[in-house]
Each structure stands twice: as C-alpha cells, then as structure tokens.
C-alpha atoms as a PDB file:
ATOM      1  CA  MET A   1      48.499 -61.069  25.556  1.00  0.00           C
ATOM      2  CA  SER A   2      49.987 -61.828  22.159  1.00  0.00           C
ATOM      3  CA  ILE A   3      48.347 -64.264  19.791  1.00  0.00           C
ATOM      4  CA  TYR A   4      50.519 -66.298  17.445  1.00  0.00           C
ATOM      5  CA  LYS A   5      49.357 -68.124  14.335  1.00  0.00           C
ATOM      6  CA  GLY A   6      50.950 -71.356  13.156  1.00  0.00           C
ATOM      7  CA  LYS A   7      50.866 -70.122   9.573  1.00  0.00           C
ATOM      8  CA  ASP A   8      53.607 -67.616  10.480  1.00  0.00           C
ATOM      9  CA  GLY A   9      56.093 -70.326  11.484  1.00  0.00           C
ATOM     10  CA  GLN A  10      58.895 -71.671   9.374  1.00  0.00           C
ATOM     11  CA  VAL A  11      61.995 -73.869   9.570  1.00  0.00           C
ATOM     12  CA  ILE A  12      65.430 -72.842   8.297  1.00  0.00           C
ATOM     13  CA  LEU A  13      68.079 -75.493   7.692  1.00  0.00           C
ATOM     14  CA  ASP A  14      71.480 -74.653   6.240  1.00  0.00           C
ATOM     15  CA  THR A  15      70.488 -70.948   5.907  1.00  0.00           C
ATOM     16  CA  ALA A  16      67.504 -71.649   3.621  1.00  0.00           C
ATOM     17  CA  ALA A  17      63.842 -71.915   4.592  1.00  0.00           C
ATOM     18  CA  VAL A  18      62.490 -75.419   4.131  1.00  0.00           C
ATOM     19  CA  ILE A  19      59.499 -75.186   1.846  1.00  0.00           C
ATOM     20  CA  GLN A  20      56.149 -76.871   2.221  1.00  0.00           C
ATOM     21  CA  ILE A  21      56.358 -77.365   6.001  1.00  0.00           C
ATOM     22  CA  ARG A  22      52.977 -78.220   7.497  1.00  0.00           C
ATOM     23  CA  ALA A  23      54.025 -78.370  11.151  1.00  0.00           C
ATOM     24  CA  TRP A  24      56.994 -78.623  13.461  1.00  0.00           C
ATOM     25  CA  ASN A  25      57.390 -79.385  17.154  1.00  0.00           C
ATOM     26  CA  LEU A  26      60.091 -79.431  19.816  1.00  0.00           C
ATOM     27  CA  ASP A  27      60.194 -81.452  23.036  1.00  0.00           C
ATOM     28  CA  VAL A  28      62.633 -80.150  25.671  1.00  0.00           C
ATOM     29  CA  THR A  29      63.104 -82.240  28.816  1.00  0.00           C
ATOM     30  CA  SER A  30      65.452 -82.529  31.791  1.00  0.00           C
ATOM     31  CA  ALA A  31      66.557 -85.739  33.433  1.00  0.00           C
ATOM     32  CA  ILE A  32      65.526 -85.987  37.074  1.00  0.00           C
ATOM     33  CA  LEU A  33      67.934 -87.359  39.686  1.00  0.00           C
ATOM     34  CA  ASP A  34      66.851 -88.654  43.081  1.00  0.00           C
ATOM     35  CA  ALA A  35      68.783 -86.749  45.798  1.00  0.00           C
ATOM     36  CA  THR A  36      66.812 -88.241  48.710  1.00  0.00           C
ATOM     37  CA  SER A  37      68.905 -89.233  51.710  1.00  0.00           C
ATOM     38  CA  LEU A  38      68.284 -91.079  54.958  1.00  0.00           C
ATOM     39  CA  GLY A  39      66.075 -89.085  57.300  1.00  0.00           C
ATOM     40  CA  ASP A  40      64.184 -87.286  54.520  1.00  0.00           C
ATOM     41  CA  ASN A  41      60.388 -87.649  54.734  1.00  0.00           C
ATOM     42  CA  TYR A  42      59.852 -86.673  51.118  1.00  0.00           C
ATOM     43  CA  LYS A  43      61.787 -87.415  47.984  1.00  0.00           C
ATOM     44  CA  VAL A  44      64.236 -84.719  46.970  1.00  0.00           C
ATOM     45  CA  LYS A  45      64.787 -84.350  43.237  1.00  0.00           C
ATOM     46  CA  VAL A  46      67.185 -82.301  41.165  1.00  0.00           C
ATOM     47  CA  THR A  47      67.473 -81.812  37.440  1.00  0.00           C
ATOM     48  CA  SER A  48      70.423 -83.030  35.434  1.00  0.00           C
ATOM     49  CA  PHE A  49      71.073 -82.928  31.693  1.00  0.00           C
ATOM     50  CA  THR A  50      68.633 -81.166  29.388  1.00  0.00           C
ATOM     51  CA  ASP A  51      67.693 -82.961  26.188  1.00  0.00           C
ATOM     52  CA  TRP A  52      65.669 -81.875  23.183  1.00  0.00           C
ATOM     53  CA  LYS A  53      64.209 -83.455  20.095  1.00  0.00           C
ATOM     54  CA  GLY A  54      61.423 -82.836  17.650  1.00  0.00           C
ATOM     55  CA  SER A  55      59.911 -83.408  14.270  1.00  0.00           C
ATOM     56  CA  LEU A  56      58.655 -81.571  11.260  1.00  0.00           C
ATOM     57  CA  GLU A  57      56.060 -82.559   8.721  1.00  0.00           C
ATOM     58  CA  ALA A  58      56.486 -81.506   5.108  1.00  0.00           C
ATOM     59  CA  ILE A  59      54.608 -81.987   1.882  1.00  0.00           C
ATOM     60  CA  TRP A  60      57.120 -84.417   0.441  1.00  0.00           C
ATOM     61  CA  ASP A  61      59.152 -83.634  -2.663  1.00  0.00           C
ATOM     62  CA  PRO A  62      62.314 -85.780  -2.903  1.00  0.00           C
ATOM     63  CA  GLU A  63      63.609 -83.522  -5.685  1.00  0.00           C
ATOM     64  CA  ASN A  64      63.533 -80.521  -3.332  1.00  0.00           C
ATOM     65  CA  THR A  65      67.089 -79.879  -2.115  1.00  0.00           C
ATOM     66  CA  ASP A  66      65.996 -79.209   1.502  1.00  0.00           C
ATOM     67  CA  HIS A  67      64.074 -82.465   1.725  1.00  0.00           C
ATOM     68  CA  ALA A  68      66.899 -84.388   0.055  1.00  0.00           C
ATOM     69  CA  ALA A  69      69.401 -82.793   2.485  1.00  0.00           C
ATOM     70  CA  CYS A  70      67.424 -84.152   5.456  1.00  0.00           C
ATOM     71  CA  PHE A  71      67.530 -87.661   4.006  1.00  0.00           C
ATOM     72  CA  GLN A  72      71.245 -87.290   3.200  1.00  0.00           C
ATOM     73  CA  ALA A  73      71.991 -86.083   6.752  1.00  0.00           C
ATOM     74  CA  LEU A  74      70.209 -89.189   8.043  1.00  0.00           C
ATOM     75  CA  GLU A  75      72.251 -91.492   5.824  1.00  0.00           C
ATOM     76  CA  ASP A  76      75.564 -89.733   6.525  1.00  0.00           C
ATOM     77  CA  GLY A  77      74.994 -89.238  10.252  1.00  0.00           C
ATOM     78  CA  THR A  78      76.010 -85.596   9.968  1.00  0.00           C
ATOM     79  CA  ALA A  79      74.597 -82.744  12.025  1.00  0.00           C
ATOM     80  CA  ILE A  80      72.598 -79.916  10.501  1.00  0.00           C
ATOM     81  CA  VAL A  81      74.135 -76.842  12.122  1.00  0.00           C
ATOM     82  CA  ASP A  82      72.098 -73.899  13.404  1.00  0.00           C
ATOM     83  CA  ALA A  83      68.644 -75.231  12.519  1.00  0.00           C
ATOM     84  CA  GLN A  84      66.077 -72.518  13.250  1.00  0.00           C
ATOM     85  CA  PHE A  85      62.452 -73.146  14.202  1.00  0.00           C
ATOM     86  CA  PHE A  86      60.455 -69.926  13.869  1.00  0.00           C
ATOM     87  CA  VAL A  87      57.235 -69.274  15.777  1.00  0.00           C
ATOM     88  CA  ASP A  88      56.809 -66.043  13.816  1.00  0.00           C
ATOM     89  CA  SER A  89      59.137 -63.656  11.996  1.00  0.00           C
ATOM     90  CA  THR A  90      61.034 -62.636  15.155  1.00  0.00           C
ATOM     91  CA  HIS A  91      60.783 -65.500  17.698  1.00  0.00           C
ATOM     92  CA  TYR A  92      62.666 -68.739  17.101  1.00  0.00           C
ATOM     93  CA  TYR A  93      64.538 -71.649  18.633  1.00  0.00           C
ATOM     94  CA  GLU A  94      67.989 -72.544  17.323  1.00  0.00           C
ATOM     95  CA  GLY A  95      70.373 -75.462  17.668  1.00  0.00           C
ATOM     96  CA  ASP A  96      72.235 -78.254  15.906  1.00  0.00           C
ATOM     97  CA  ILE A  97      70.238 -81.357  15.008  1.00  0.00           C
ATOM     98  CA  LEU A  98      70.855 -84.950  13.978  1.00  0.00           C
ATOM     99  CA  VAL A  99      68.176 -86.350  11.665  1.00  0.00           C
ATOM    100  CA  VAL A 100      67.173 -89.751  13.077  1.00  0.00           C
ATOM    101  CA  GLY A 101      64.183 -90.620  10.898  1.00  0.00           C
ATOM    102  CA  VAL A 102      62.420 -89.836   7.636  1.00  0.00           C
ATOM    103  CA  ALA A 103      58.939 -91.361   7.367  1.00  0.00           C
ATOM    104  CA  PRO A 104      57.027 -90.764   4.117  1.00  0.00           C
ATOM    105  CA  LYS A 105      53.248 -91.139   4.283  1.00  0.00           C
ATOM    106  CA  VAL A 106      51.373 -91.927   1.066  1.00  0.00           C
ATOM    107  CA  PRO A 107      47.594 -91.779   1.668  1.00  0.00           C
ATOM    108  CA  VAL A 108      45.225 -92.626  -1.154  1.00  0.00           C
ATOM    109  CA  ALA A 109      43.221 -89.389  -0.917  1.00  0.00           C
ATOM    110  CA  ASP A 110      45.680 -86.777   0.321  1.00  0.00           C
ATOM    111  CA  LEU A 111      49.069 -85.216  -0.349  1.00  0.00           C
ATOM    112  CA  ILE A 112      52.218 -87.255   0.205  1.00  0.00           C
ATOM    113  CA  THR A 113      53.940 -86.011   3.342  1.00  0.00           C
ATOM    114  CA  ALA A 114      57.005 -87.000   5.317  1.00  0.00           C
ATOM    115  CA  THR A 115      57.691 -86.685   9.003  1.00  0.00           C
ATOM    116  CA  ILE A 116      61.334 -85.913   9.707  1.00  0.00           C
ATOM    117  CA  THR A 117      62.412 -86.653  13.283  1.00  0.00           C
ATOM    118  CA  PHE A 118      65.554 -85.242  14.833  1.00  0.00           C
ATOM    119  CA  GLU A 119      67.458 -85.002  18.097  1.00  0.00           C
ATOM    120  CA  GLY A 120      69.292 -81.947  19.304  1.00  0.00           C
ATOM    121  CA  THR A 121      73.010 -82.086  19.901  1.00  0.00           C
ATOM    122  CA  GLY A 122      74.284 -79.345  22.175  1.00  0.00           C
ATOM    123  CA  PRO A 123      72.305 -76.374  23.446  1.00  0.00           C
ATOM    124  CA  LEU A 124      68.947 -75.117  22.236  1.00  0.00           C
ATOM    125  CA  THR A 125      68.535 -71.364  22.439  1.00  0.00           C
ATOM    126  CA  TYR A 126      65.440 -69.184  22.244  1.00  0.00           C
ATOM    127  CA  ASN A 127      65.842 -65.926  20.349  1.00  0.00           C
ATOM    128  CA  ALA A 128      63.651 -62.875  19.930  1.00  0.00           C
ATOM    129  CA  SER A 129      64.924 -60.548  17.230  1.00  0.00           C
ATOM    130  CA  PRO A 130      63.737 -56.944  17.227  1.00  0.00           C
END
C-alpha cells in the first residue's frame, strides 16, 4: 500500500504552480435519478450528470500573479483552462474551472489566508504520469 503525504501536493493554474498553497480539495458527485416504475418493490436509481467542485487555501498575497489571476477570473467570469491538482509529483486531477469565490481570512494571531472556491466545467480527468 502506498502512502501519500499532503506536503507533496501542488496546484498548477495557467501552466505555473500556485505558490503558498496550504490545502486543496475536490468534490466529485453524480446526480441520482429515480427510475422506479409501477410493480417495483424497491426504488431503482440510476446516475445522471457528474459534477465537480472544490477549493484551495493559500497564504494570501494579492501581489502574487497567481492569486491575482484567481480574483481576476472571478471578476471576469472566465474559465481557468487545464487546472491541475497534484496529489504527488506523478498523480493529479485535471480540468477547467470557474472561480466562484475568493474569501480572505485575516486572523489576529495567524497568517492571512484566502479560500478560493471553484466549480468544474466539463470533464475532470485523473492522470498518473510515469
């Protein structure tokens, strides 16, 4: 069994690694449709569209071009193409995203961070490079 460490993850947007990422997550779900018909004793369900979304948390630096690009994508409503979410150096998820939120957090006794939320548009693929 392989063991993966979060410290080996990274996020790449627009071909450049986003710096100062503390965490990222993806949530992939499928819609469920009820296909039950008369005479069935149990509900019959089938999946429909697959949807995905997620977030990343970064140590916030509005002068950093990657962080500023996320905020600009939110304001412009433009997709970030081929975003890559690495588990380690060879395993990653990839897809186009729409930034839907940027939430800075300014605690009195900690670093300023921002949570950037996004929704996938189109397919999400899993890749394992040799």
